[in-house]
Amino acid sequence: MRIIYNGVDIYDDVSLNYAVHEMNAENQADTLVLRFNDPRGVWSAWNPQPGDKIAFEHEAAKTGAMYIHQMKPENGLYTVRAMSMPVSGKEKRSKSWAAVHFFQLGTEIAARHGMTFKVCGVTDQVYDYMAQTNETDFAFFSRLCSLEGCQMVIYDGSLIAYNEAYIEQQTPVGELQIGEAGVFNYNDATDLAYGSAEITSGAISGSFADPAPKSDRILRPAIPVKVNNAAEAARFAKGLLRQANKNGQTGSFTEELMTGYAAASIMSLTTTKAEAWDGTIFLSRVRHDYVRNTSTLFFRRVILEGY
């Protein structure tokens, strides 16, 4: 194992008591919680500050650059809580743009926090008008990604936007087999699916229908941004229908530590005691516990067609 604090590997200088890294494929930054046995107050002497960089590595698993957000000394222990999002990401702001591109917004937000912007399978869109109102940059951009059928991740100094449907169409990068002794929990909520989505914003409206609907229920969501035209309304309806339906079949399982797996990966799943769930899955969250030597993988089955 390696623990790199402000560019220096300190693993041999500390006594690790707890180490959990959670990777998220959407909505929130990755987290790293490290707790150390610290009876001599080594960490207090180092005087860590919010924003200091820390990274954890073990075999194939690498957190990338993380930023310390909280420190907690207590009774011979010292806990460090870090996130892949810089501390500056907590700041709320308001701003509006005219004739602005999706890629431009991502690049501007990333640069503001000392990061780079990357995309995967995303089509650049242009908005006649877009506004951010008293919210953090990453909350604003995550919301916009969802409208476009995309999601964002923050990893190792990069803000990455990816198209969900594009990722789901990729060839699985590996196979996961849950045997007779496997611990798993699967859930089917496809009965709550919507067959279509309709958006209305003033005089502007647009809709999108599931090409393979499982119900005739209509999603009529409130839109948190100004809709500029009918084409944009239809595109947002498509994105929001995906968000409403994509988690129709979800699950999780825990195995011995599997350092080669990360969130936002496409895998092939087979389960000895639940063969009906065999197929392609998307890893929505991965939790590695390096002290207990376990990995918990949260996933959704790839079930949407055409969007």
C-alpha atoms as a PDB file:
ATOM      1  CA  MET A   1       0.000   0.000   0.000  1.00  0.00           C
ATOM      2  CA  ARG A   2       0.991   3.623  -0.515  1.00  0.00           C
ATOM      3  CA  ILE A   3      -0.429   6.734   1.139  1.00  0.00           C
ATOM      4  CA  ILE A   4       0.845   9.805  -0.654  1.00  0.00           C
ATOM      5  CA  TYR A   5       0.356  12.981   1.361  1.00  0.00           C
ATOM      6  CA  ASN A   6       1.398  16.225  -0.313  1.00  0.00           C
ATOM      7  CA  GLY A   7       3.607  14.262  -2.685  1.00  0.00           C
ATOM      8  CA  VAL A   8       5.330  12.045  -0.078  1.00  0.00           C
ATOM      9  CA  ASP A   9       4.608   8.361   0.606  1.00  0.00           C
ATOM     10  CA  ILE A  10       3.924   8.245   4.362  1.00  0.00           C
ATOM     11  CA  TYR A  11       2.657   4.658   4.623  1.00  0.00           C
ATOM     12  CA  ASP A  12       5.656   3.462   6.650  1.00  0.00           C
ATOM     13  CA  ASP A  13       5.277   6.398   9.045  1.00  0.00           C
ATOM     14  CA  VAL A  14       1.664   5.731  10.063  1.00  0.00           C
ATOM     15  CA  SER A  15      -0.464   2.915  11.500  1.00  0.00           C
ATOM     16  CA  LEU A  16      -3.605   2.403   9.429  1.00  0.00           C
ATOM     17  CA  ASN A  17      -6.757   1.538  11.377  1.00  0.00           C
ATOM     18  CA  TYR A  18      -9.466   2.087   8.747  1.00  0.00           C
ATOM     19  CA  ALA A  19      -9.341   2.736   5.002  1.00  0.00           C
ATOM     20  CA  VAL A  20     -12.426   2.976   2.792  1.00  0.00           C
ATOM     21  CA  HIS A  21     -12.544   4.395  -0.741  1.00  0.00           C
ATOM     22  CA  GLU A  22     -15.906   4.933  -2.438  1.00  0.00           C
ATOM     23  CA  MET A  23     -16.116   5.633  -6.164  1.00  0.00           C
ATOM     24  CA  ASN A  24     -19.314   7.111  -7.579  1.00  0.00           C
ATOM     25  CA  ALA A  25     -20.426   7.093 -11.202  1.00  0.00           C
ATOM     26  CA  GLU A  26     -22.770  10.045 -10.778  1.00  0.00           C
ATOM     27  CA  ASN A  27     -24.074  12.882  -8.599  1.00  0.00           C
ATOM     28  CA  GLN A  28     -21.237  13.029  -6.085  1.00  0.00           C
ATOM     29  CA  ALA A  29     -17.476  13.009  -5.823  1.00  0.00           C
ATOM     30  CA  ASP A  30     -15.420  10.013  -4.740  1.00  0.00           C
ATOM     31  CA  THR A  31     -14.575   9.819  -1.039  1.00  0.00           C
ATOM     32  CA  LEU A  32     -11.645   8.461   0.944  1.00  0.00           C
ATOM     33  CA  VAL A  33     -11.740   7.969   4.715  1.00  0.00           C
ATOM     34  CA  LEU A  34      -8.522   7.008   6.489  1.00  0.00           C
ATOM     35  CA  ARG A  35      -8.239   6.494  10.236  1.00  0.00           C
ATOM     36  CA  PHE A  36      -4.862   6.139  11.879  1.00  0.00           C
ATOM     37  CA  ASN A  37      -3.645   4.932  15.248  1.00  0.00           C
ATOM     38  CA  ASP A  38      -1.950   8.110  16.420  1.00  0.00           C
ATOM     39  CA  PRO A  39      -1.056   7.920  20.135  1.00  0.00           C
ATOM     40  CA  ARG A  40       1.948  10.249  19.671  1.00  0.00           C
ATOM     41  CA  GLY A  41       0.075  12.978  17.790  1.00  0.00           C
ATOM     42  CA  VAL A  42       2.065  12.618  14.578  1.00  0.00           C
ATOM     43  CA  TRP A  43      -0.729  14.009  12.421  1.00  0.00           C
ATOM     44  CA  SER A  44      -1.215  17.051  14.617  1.00  0.00           C
ATOM     45  CA  ALA A  45       2.504  17.750  14.309  1.00  0.00           C
ATOM     46  CA  TRP A  46       2.173  17.568  10.522  1.00  0.00           C
ATOM     47  CA  ASN A  47      -0.625  20.158  10.819  1.00  0.00           C
ATOM     48  CA  PRO A  48      -2.753  19.026   7.827  1.00  0.00           C
ATOM     49  CA  GLN A  49      -4.996  21.655   6.252  1.00  0.00           C
ATOM     50  CA  PRO A  50      -8.202  21.494   4.216  1.00  0.00           C
ATOM     51  CA  GLY A  51      -7.198  21.293   0.576  1.00  0.00           C
ATOM     52  CA  ASP A  52      -4.027  19.284   1.175  1.00  0.00           C
ATOM     53  CA  LYS A  53      -3.651  16.488  -1.364  1.00  0.00           C
ATOM     54  CA  ILE A  54      -3.715  12.824  -0.388  1.00  0.00           C
ATOM     55  CA  ALA A  55      -3.890   9.630  -2.437  1.00  0.00           C
ATOM     56  CA  PHE A  56      -4.174   5.938  -1.627  1.00  0.00           C
ATOM     57  CA  GLU A  57      -2.860   3.077  -3.761  1.00  0.00           C
ATOM     58  CA  HIS A  58      -3.088  -0.677  -3.398  1.00  0.00           C
ATOM     59  CA  GLU A  59      -2.380  -3.102  -6.224  1.00  0.00           C
ATOM     60  CA  ALA A  60      -4.551  -2.022  -9.207  1.00  0.00           C
ATOM     61  CA  ALA A  61      -6.600   0.438  -7.142  1.00  0.00           C
ATOM     62  CA  LYS A  62      -5.643   4.108  -7.174  1.00  0.00           C
ATOM     63  CA  THR A  63      -7.747   6.920  -5.770  1.00  0.00           C
ATOM     64  CA  GLY A  64      -5.974   9.565  -7.803  1.00  0.00           C
ATOM     65  CA  ALA A  65      -5.524  12.992  -6.237  1.00  0.00           C
ATOM     66  CA  MET A  66      -7.928  13.561  -3.341  1.00  0.00           C
ATOM     67  CA  TYR A  67      -8.369  16.731  -1.301  1.00  0.00           C
ATOM     68  CA  ILE A  68      -8.640  16.719   2.481  1.00  0.00           C
ATOM     69  CA  HIS A  69     -11.945  18.209   3.617  1.00  0.00           C
ATOM     70  CA  GLN A  70     -12.077  17.196   7.289  1.00  0.00           C
ATOM     71  CA  MET A  71      -9.678  16.082  10.032  1.00  0.00           C
ATOM     72  CA  LYS A  72     -10.684  14.626  13.388  1.00  0.00           C
ATOM     73  CA  PRO A  73      -8.243  13.816  16.218  1.00  0.00           C
ATOM     74  CA  GLU A  74      -9.708  11.737  19.075  1.00  0.00           C
ATOM     75  CA  ASN A  75      -8.293   9.540  21.846  1.00  0.00           C
ATOM     76  CA  GLY A  76      -5.160   8.334  20.076  1.00  0.00           C
ATOM     77  CA  LEU A  77      -6.820   8.186  16.662  1.00  0.00           C
ATOM     78  CA  TYR A  78      -6.739  10.589  13.734  1.00  0.00           C
ATOM     79  CA  THR A  79      -9.322  10.489  10.924  1.00  0.00           C
ATOM     80  CA  VAL A  80      -8.828  12.118   7.545  1.00  0.00           C
ATOM     81  CA  ARG A  81     -11.804  12.564   5.210  1.00  0.00           C
ATOM     82  CA  ALA A  82     -10.974  13.435   1.629  1.00  0.00           C
ATOM     83  CA  MET A  83     -12.851  13.869  -1.643  1.00  0.00           C
ATOM     84  CA  SER A  84     -11.901  13.912  -5.308  1.00  0.00           C
ATOM     85  CA  MET A  85     -13.587  17.346  -5.453  1.00  0.00           C
ATOM     86  CA  PRO A  86     -11.413  20.305  -4.444  1.00  0.00           C
ATOM     87  CA  VAL A  87     -12.480  22.172  -1.303  1.00  0.00           C
ATOM     88  CA  SER A  88     -13.414  25.149  -3.503  1.00  0.00           C
ATOM     89  CA  GLY A  89     -16.217  23.002  -4.942  1.00  0.00           C
ATOM     90  CA  LYS A  90     -18.331  23.725  -1.857  1.00  0.00           C
ATOM     91  CA  GLU A  91     -18.734  27.379  -2.807  1.00  0.00           C
ATOM     92  CA  LYS A  92     -22.096  28.477  -4.198  1.00  0.00           C
ATOM     93  CA  ARG A  93     -22.361  31.034  -6.976  1.00  0.00           C
ATOM     94  CA  SER A  94     -24.761  32.597  -9.444  1.00  0.00           C
ATOM     95  CA  LYS A  95     -24.009  33.270 -13.083  1.00  0.00           C
ATOM     96  CA  SER A  96     -25.762  33.333 -16.450  1.00  0.00           C
ATOM     97  CA  TRP A  97     -24.552  32.705 -19.990  1.00  0.00           C
ATOM     98  CA  ALA A  98     -25.867  33.488 -23.472  1.00  0.00           C
ATOM     99  CA  ALA A  99     -25.109  31.332 -26.528  1.00  0.00           C
ATOM    100  CA  VAL A 100     -22.953  29.012 -24.435  1.00  0.00           C
ATOM    101  CA  HIS A 101     -21.787  25.490 -25.309  1.00  0.00           C
ATOM    102  CA  PHE A 102     -21.911  22.464 -22.993  1.00  0.00           C
ATOM    103  CA  PHE A 103     -18.168  21.923 -23.449  1.00  0.00           C
ATOM    104  CA  GLN A 104     -17.537  25.589 -22.668  1.00  0.00           C
ATOM    105  CA  LEU A 105     -19.397  25.297 -19.362  1.00  0.00           C
ATOM    106  CA  GLY A 106     -17.477  22.160 -18.403  1.00  0.00           C
ATOM    107  CA  THR A 107     -14.135  23.720 -19.303  1.00  0.00           C
ATOM    108  CA  GLU A 108     -14.901  26.910 -17.380  1.00  0.00           C
ATOM    109  CA  ILE A 109     -16.009  25.064 -14.241  1.00  0.00           C
ATOM    110  CA  ALA A 110     -13.049  22.690 -14.304  1.00  0.00           C
ATOM    111  CA  ALA A 111     -10.559  25.534 -14.763  1.00  0.00           C
ATOM    112  CA  ARG A 112     -12.073  27.489 -11.891  1.00  0.00           C
ATOM    113  CA  HIS A 113     -11.114  24.644  -9.561  1.00  0.00           C
ATOM    114  CA  GLY A 114      -7.701  23.909 -11.057  1.00  0.00           C
ATOM    115  CA  MET A 115      -8.916  20.901 -13.011  1.00  0.00           C
ATOM    116  CA  THR A 116      -9.065  19.748 -16.621  1.00  0.00           C
ATOM    117  CA  PHE A 117     -12.260  18.916 -18.512  1.00  0.00           C
ATOM    118  CA  LYS A 118     -12.693  15.663 -20.430  1.00  0.00           C
ATOM    119  CA  VAL A 119     -15.614  14.059 -22.271  1.00  0.00           C
ATOM    120  CA  CYS A 120     -16.538  10.543 -23.329  1.00  0.00           C
ATOM    121  CA  GLY A 121     -19.180   9.999 -25.995  1.00  0.00           C
ATOM    122  CA  VAL A 122     -20.770  13.398 -25.351  1.00  0.00           C
ATOM    123  CA  THR A 123     -22.252  15.642 -28.044  1.00  0.00           C
ATOM    124  CA  ASP A 124     -21.545  19.336 -27.561  1.00  0.00           C
ATOM    125  CA  GLN A 125     -24.797  21.300 -27.255  1.00  0.00           C
ATOM    126  CA  VAL A 126     -25.376  25.036 -27.420  1.00  0.00           C
ATOM    127  CA  TYR A 127     -27.815  26.882 -25.161  1.00  0.00           C
ATOM    128  CA  ASP A 128     -29.336  30.239 -26.055  1.00  0.00           C
ATOM    129  CA  TYR A 129     -29.438  30.946 -22.333  1.00  0.00           C
ATOM    130  CA  MET A 130     -28.268  29.095 -19.216  1.00  0.00           C
ATOM    131  CA  ALA A 131     -28.252  30.166 -15.569  1.00  0.00           C
ATOM    132  CA  GLN A 132     -26.677  28.934 -12.352  1.00  0.00           C
ATOM    133  CA  THR A 133     -28.492  30.289  -9.306  1.00  0.00           C
ATOM    134  CA  ASN A 134     -26.965  30.052  -5.828  1.00  0.00           C
ATOM    135  CA  GLU A 135     -25.605  26.539  -6.234  1.00  0.00           C
ATOM    136  CA  THR A 136     -22.202  24.941  -6.392  1.00  0.00           C
ATOM    137  CA  ASP A 137     -20.502  24.539  -9.749  1.00  0.00           C
ATOM    138  CA  PHE A 138     -20.568  20.760  -9.584  1.00  0.00           C
ATOM    139  CA  ALA A 139     -24.218  20.546  -8.517  1.00  0.00           C
ATOM    140  CA  PHE A 140     -25.125  22.834 -11.422  1.00  0.00           C
ATOM    141  CA  PHE A 141     -23.075  20.881 -13.949  1.00  0.00           C
ATOM    142  CA  SER A 142     -24.319  17.513 -12.662  1.00  0.00           C
ATOM    143  CA  ARG A 143     -27.901  18.690 -13.103  1.00  0.00           C
ATOM    144  CA  LEU A 144     -27.180  19.825 -16.644  1.00  0.00           C
ATOM    145  CA  CYS A 145     -25.520  16.491 -17.420  1.00  0.00           C
ATOM    146  CA  SER A 146     -28.644  14.622 -16.329  1.00  0.00           C
ATOM    147  CA  LEU A 147     -30.803  16.722 -18.660  1.00  0.00           C
ATOM    148  CA  GLU A 148     -28.505  15.701 -21.515  1.00  0.00           C
ATOM    149  CA  GLY A 149     -28.524  11.970 -20.672  1.00  0.00           C
ATOM    150  CA  CYS A 150     -25.008  12.278 -19.280  1.00  0.00           C
ATOM    151  CA  GLN A 151     -23.299  12.098 -15.916  1.00  0.00           C
ATOM    152  CA  MET A 152     -20.112  13.495 -14.480  1.00  0.00           C
ATOM    153  CA  VAL A 153     -17.310  12.062 -12.388  1.00  0.00           C
ATOM    154  CA  ILE A 154     -14.430  13.822 -10.688  1.00  0.00           C
ATOM    155  CA  TYR A 155     -11.191  11.863 -10.718  1.00  0.00           C
ATOM    156  CA  ASP A 156      -7.531  12.728 -10.271  1.00  0.00           C
ATOM    157  CA  GLY A 157      -7.843  16.407 -11.069  1.00  0.00           C
ATOM    158  CA  SER A 158     -10.258  15.976 -13.974  1.00  0.00           C
ATOM    159  CA  LEU A 159     -13.944  16.748 -14.407  1.00  0.00           C
ATOM    160  CA  ILE A 160     -15.245  14.073 -16.772  1.00  0.00           C
ATOM    161  CA  ALA A 161     -18.615  14.131 -18.527  1.00  0.00           C
ATOM    162  CA  TYR A 162     -19.759  10.896 -20.142  1.00  0.00           C
ATOM    163  CA  ASN A 163     -22.802   9.867 -22.135  1.00  0.00           C
ATOM    164  CA  GLU A 164     -24.537   7.040 -20.278  1.00  0.00           C
ATOM    165  CA  ALA A 165     -26.045   5.323 -23.318  1.00  0.00           C
ATOM    166  CA  TYR A 166     -22.661   5.430 -25.059  1.00  0.00           C
ATOM    167  CA  ILE A 167     -20.923   3.787 -22.093  1.00  0.00           C
ATOM    168  CA  GLU A 168     -23.638   1.157 -21.764  1.00  0.00           C
ATOM    169  CA  GLN A 169     -23.094   0.113 -25.386  1.00  0.00           C
ATOM    170  CA  GLN A 170     -19.435  -0.682 -24.813  1.00  0.00           C
ATOM    171  CA  THR A 171     -18.114  -4.235 -24.569  1.00  0.00           C
ATOM    172  CA  PRO A 172     -17.907  -5.425 -20.934  1.00  0.00           C
ATOM    173  CA  VAL A 173     -14.391  -5.057 -19.574  1.00  0.00           C
ATOM    174  CA  GLY A 174     -14.637  -8.150 -17.410  1.00  0.00           C
ATOM    175  CA  GLU A 175     -16.806 -10.842 -15.851  1.00  0.00           C
ATOM    176  CA  LEU A 176     -18.193 -11.020 -12.339  1.00  0.00           C
ATOM    177  CA  GLN A 177     -19.325 -14.394 -11.024  1.00  0.00           C
ATOM    178  CA  ILE A 178     -21.368 -14.694  -7.838  1.00  0.00           C
ATOM    179  CA  GLY A 179     -21.128 -18.314  -6.736  1.00  0.00           C
ATOM    180  CA  GLU A 180     -23.065 -20.467  -4.299  1.00  0.00           C
ATOM    181  CA  ALA A 181     -21.648 -18.665  -1.266  1.00  0.00           C
ATOM    182  CA  GLY A 182     -21.996 -15.177  -2.738  1.00  0.00           C
ATOM    183  CA  VAL A 183     -23.659 -12.418  -0.695  1.00  0.00           C
ATOM    184  CA  PHE A 184     -25.948 -10.370  -2.934  1.00  0.00           C
ATOM    185  CA  ASN A 185     -29.077  -8.212  -2.879  1.00  0.00           C
ATOM    186  CA  TYR A 186     -31.006  -7.569  -6.107  1.00  0.00           C
ATOM    187  CA  ASN A 187     -34.089  -5.378  -6.579  1.00  0.00           C
ATOM    188  CA  ASP A 188     -36.594  -5.096  -9.440  1.00  0.00           C
ATOM    189  CA  ALA A 189     -38.581  -1.852  -9.674  1.00  0.00           C
ATOM    190  CA  THR A 190     -39.465  -1.941 -13.371  1.00  0.00           C
ATOM    191  CA  ASP A 191     -43.150  -1.700 -12.404  1.00  0.00           C
ATOM    192  CA  LEU A 192     -42.454   1.965 -11.608  1.00  0.00           C
ATOM    193  CA  ALA A 193     -41.131   2.739 -15.105  1.00  0.00           C
ATOM    194  CA  TYR A 194     -42.483   5.526 -17.288  1.00  0.00           C
ATOM    195  CA  GLY A 195     -43.422   5.032 -20.927  1.00  0.00           C
ATOM    196  CA  SER A 196     -42.729   8.631 -21.954  1.00  0.00           C
ATOM    197  CA  ALA A 197     -41.763  12.071 -20.686  1.00  0.00           C
ATOM    198  CA  GLU A 198     -43.313  15.440 -21.472  1.00  0.00           C
ATOM    199  CA  ILE A 199     -41.784  18.826 -20.742  1.00  0.00           C
ATOM    200  CA  THR A 200     -43.585  22.145 -20.780  1.00  0.00           C
ATOM    201  CA  SER A 201     -41.886  25.474 -20.157  1.00  0.00           C
ATOM    202  CA  GLY A 202     -44.136  28.413 -20.898  1.00  0.00           C
ATOM    203  CA  ALA A 203     -45.182  28.136 -24.522  1.00  0.00           C
ATOM    204  CA  ILE A 204     -42.435  25.603 -25.288  1.00  0.00           C
ATOM    205  CA  SER A 205     -43.005  21.862 -25.028  1.00  0.00           C
ATOM    206  CA  GLY A 206     -41.336  18.635 -26.061  1.00  0.00           C
ATOM    207  CA  SER A 207     -41.621  14.913 -25.397  1.00  0.00           C
ATOM    208  CA  PHE A 208     -39.837  11.607 -25.763  1.00  0.00           C
ATOM    209  CA  ALA A 209     -41.271   8.073 -25.717  1.00  0.00           C
ATOM    210  CA  ASP A 210     -39.486   4.887 -24.667  1.00  0.00           C
ATOM    211  CA  PRO A 211     -39.020   2.774 -27.844  1.00  0.00           C
ATOM    212  CA  ALA A 212     -39.805  -0.333 -25.759  1.00  0.00           C
ATOM    213  CA  PRO A 213     -42.191   0.975 -23.074  1.00  0.00           C
ATOM    214  CA  LYS A 214     -43.004  -1.109 -20.035  1.00  0.00           C
ATOM    215  CA  SER A 215     -45.942   1.096 -19.063  1.00  0.00           C
ATOM    216  CA  ASP A 216     -48.068   3.983 -20.307  1.00  0.00           C
ATOM    217  CA  ARG A 217     -47.208   6.228 -17.367  1.00  0.00           C
ATOM    218  CA  ILE A 218     -46.146   9.740 -18.382  1.00  0.00           C
ATOM    219  CA  LEU A 219     -43.355  11.605 -16.616  1.00  0.00           C
ATOM    220  CA  ARG A 220     -44.051  15.351 -16.364  1.00  0.00           C
ATOM    221  CA  PRO A 221     -41.051  16.734 -14.446  1.00  0.00           C
ATOM    222  CA  ALA A 222     -40.414  20.295 -13.369  1.00  0.00           C
ATOM    223  CA  ILE A 223     -37.480  21.760 -15.299  1.00  0.00           C
ATOM    224  CA  PRO A 224     -34.883  23.666 -13.235  1.00  0.00           C
ATOM    225  CA  VAL A 225     -33.529  25.610 -16.240  1.00  0.00           C
ATOM    226  CA  LYS A 226     -35.010  27.780 -18.944  1.00  0.00           C
ATOM    227  CA  VAL A 227     -35.976  25.744 -22.013  1.00  0.00           C
ATOM    228  CA  ASN A 228     -35.080  27.678 -25.149  1.00  0.00           C
ATOM    229  CA  ASN A 229     -36.816  25.720 -27.933  1.00  0.00           C
ATOM    230  CA  ALA A 230     -38.847  22.601 -28.740  1.00  0.00           C
ATOM    231  CA  ALA A 231     -35.800  20.555 -29.801  1.00  0.00           C
ATOM    232  CA  GLU A 232     -34.127  21.278 -26.481  1.00  0.00           C
ATOM    233  CA  ALA A 233     -37.330  20.366 -24.620  1.00  0.00           C
ATOM    234  CA  ALA A 234     -37.489  17.005 -26.423  1.00  0.00           C
ATOM    235  CA  ARG A 235     -33.809  16.355 -25.678  1.00  0.00           C
ATOM    236  CA  PHE A 236     -34.290  17.171 -21.988  1.00  0.00           C
ATOM    237  CA  ALA A 237     -37.363  14.911 -21.904  1.00  0.00           C
ATOM    238  CA  LYS A 238     -35.212  12.079 -23.233  1.00  0.00           C
ATOM    239  CA  GLY A 239     -32.524  12.691 -20.633  1.00  0.00           C
ATOM    240  CA  LEU A 240     -34.982  12.837 -17.749  1.00  0.00           C
ATOM    241  CA  LEU A 241     -36.835   9.729 -18.898  1.00  0.00           C
ATOM    242  CA  ARG A 242     -33.516   7.897 -18.789  1.00  0.00           C
ATOM    243  CA  GLN A 243     -32.871   9.139 -15.248  1.00  0.00           C
ATOM    244  CA  ALA A 244     -36.322   7.959 -14.160  1.00  0.00           C
ATOM    245  CA  ASN A 245     -36.087   4.491 -15.748  1.00  0.00           C
ATOM    246  CA  LYS A 246     -32.423   3.460 -15.696  1.00  0.00           C
ATOM    247  CA  ASN A 247     -32.536   2.086 -12.134  1.00  0.00           C
ATOM    248  CA  GLY A 248     -35.342  -0.360 -12.843  1.00  0.00           C
ATOM    249  CA  GLN A 249     -33.154  -3.294 -11.843  1.00  0.00           C
ATOM    250  CA  THR A 250     -30.395  -2.700  -9.331  1.00  0.00           C
ATOM    251  CA  GLY A 251     -28.304  -4.727  -6.968  1.00  0.00           C
ATOM    252  CA  SER A 252     -25.202  -5.049  -4.862  1.00  0.00           C
ATOM    253  CA  PHE A 253     -22.862  -7.757  -3.697  1.00  0.00           C
ATOM    254  CA  THR A 254     -19.827  -8.076  -1.471  1.00  0.00           C
ATOM    255  CA  GLU A 255     -16.754 -10.152  -2.234  1.00  0.00           C
ATOM    256  CA  GLU A 256     -13.134 -10.318  -1.168  1.00  0.00           C
ATOM    257  CA  LEU A 257     -11.199  -7.214  -2.188  1.00  0.00           C
ATOM    258  CA  MET A 258     -11.276  -6.722  -5.971  1.00  0.00           C
ATOM    259  CA  THR A 259      -8.949  -3.822  -6.690  1.00  0.00           C
ATOM    260  CA  GLY A 260      -9.419  -3.940 -10.458  1.00  0.00           C
ATOM    261  CA  TYR A 261     -13.012  -2.658 -10.425  1.00  0.00           C
ATOM    262  CA  ALA A 262     -14.124   0.965 -10.566  1.00  0.00           C
ATOM    263  CA  ALA A 263     -17.397   2.868 -10.853  1.00  0.00           C
ATOM    264  CA  ALA A 264     -18.762   3.633 -14.342  1.00  0.00           C
ATOM    265  CA  SER A 265     -17.466   0.303 -15.682  1.00  0.00           C
ATOM    266  CA  ILE A 266     -19.475  -2.114 -17.835  1.00  0.00           C
ATOM    267  CA  MET A 267     -19.283  -5.709 -16.657  1.00  0.00           C
ATOM    268  CA  SER A 268     -20.840  -9.092 -17.417  1.00  0.00           C
ATOM    269  CA  LEU A 269     -22.589 -10.609 -14.381  1.00  0.00           C
ATOM    270  CA  THR A 270     -23.530 -14.215 -13.642  1.00  0.00           C
ATOM    271  CA  THR A 271     -25.159 -15.316 -10.380  1.00  0.00           C
ATOM    272  CA  THR A 272     -25.499 -19.005  -9.573  1.00  0.00           C
ATOM    273  CA  LYS A 273     -28.594 -18.492  -7.417  1.00  0.00           C
ATOM    274  CA  ALA A 274     -30.211 -15.791  -9.585  1.00  0.00           C
ATOM    275  CA  GLU A 275     -29.659 -16.726 -13.227  1.00  0.00           C
ATOM    276  CA  ALA A 276     -32.445 -14.422 -14.408  1.00  0.00           C
ATOM    277  CA  TRP A 277     -30.145 -11.516 -13.537  1.00  0.00           C
ATOM    278  CA  ASP A 278     -27.271 -12.707 -15.714  1.00  0.00           C
ATOM    279  CA  GLY A 279     -26.230 -10.118 -18.272  1.00  0.00           C
ATOM    280  CA  THR A 280     -24.584  -6.736 -18.686  1.00  0.00           C
ATOM    281  CA  ILE A 281     -24.396  -4.374 -15.729  1.00  0.00           C
ATOM    282  CA  PHE A 282     -23.155  -0.845 -15.063  1.00  0.00           C
ATOM    283  CA  LEU A 283     -21.218  -0.277 -11.843  1.00  0.00           C
ATOM    284  CA  SER A 284     -22.795   2.785 -10.251  1.00  0.00           C
ATOM    285  CA  ARG A 285     -20.757   2.709  -7.040  1.00  0.00           C
ATOM    286  CA  VAL A 286     -17.773   0.733  -5.774  1.00  0.00           C
ATOM    287  CA  ARG A 287     -16.673   0.592  -2.141  1.00  0.00           C
ATOM    288  CA  HIS A 288     -13.259  -0.813  -1.296  1.00  0.00           C
ATOM    289  CA  ASP A 289     -12.514  -1.519   2.377  1.00  0.00           C
ATOM    290  CA  TYR A 290      -8.768  -2.075   2.541  1.00  0.00           C
ATOM    291  CA  VAL A 291      -8.633  -3.080   6.213  1.00  0.00           C
ATOM    292  CA  ARG A 292     -11.487  -5.597   6.108  1.00  0.00           C
ATOM    293  CA  ASN A 293     -10.280  -6.687   2.663  1.00  0.00           C
ATOM    294  CA  THR A 294     -13.714  -6.483   1.007  1.00  0.00           C
ATOM    295  CA  SER A 295     -15.274  -4.812  -2.017  1.00  0.00           C
ATOM    296  CA  THR A 296     -18.963  -3.955  -2.299  1.00  0.00           C
ATOM    297  CA  LEU A 297     -20.178  -3.286  -5.824  1.00  0.00           C
ATOM    298  CA  PHE A 298     -23.453  -1.497  -6.536  1.00  0.00           C
ATOM    299  CA  PHE A 299     -24.865  -1.801 -10.028  1.00  0.00           C
ATOM    300  CA  ARG A 300     -27.809  -1.400 -12.346  1.00  0.00           C
ATOM    301  CA  ARG A 301     -28.637  -3.757 -15.154  1.00  0.00           C
ATOM    302  CA  VAL A 302     -28.387  -2.281 -18.638  1.00  0.00           C
ATOM    303  CA  ILE A 303     -32.070  -2.468 -19.618  1.00  0.00           C
ATOM    304  CA  LEU A 304     -32.837   0.698 -21.609  1.00  0.00           C
ATOM    305  CA  GLU A 305     -33.141   0.525 -25.395  1.00  0.00           C
ATOM    306  CA  GLY A 306     -32.742   3.492 -27.716  1.00  0.00           C
ATOM    307  CA  TYR A 307     -31.914   6.073 -25.066  1.00  0.00           C
END
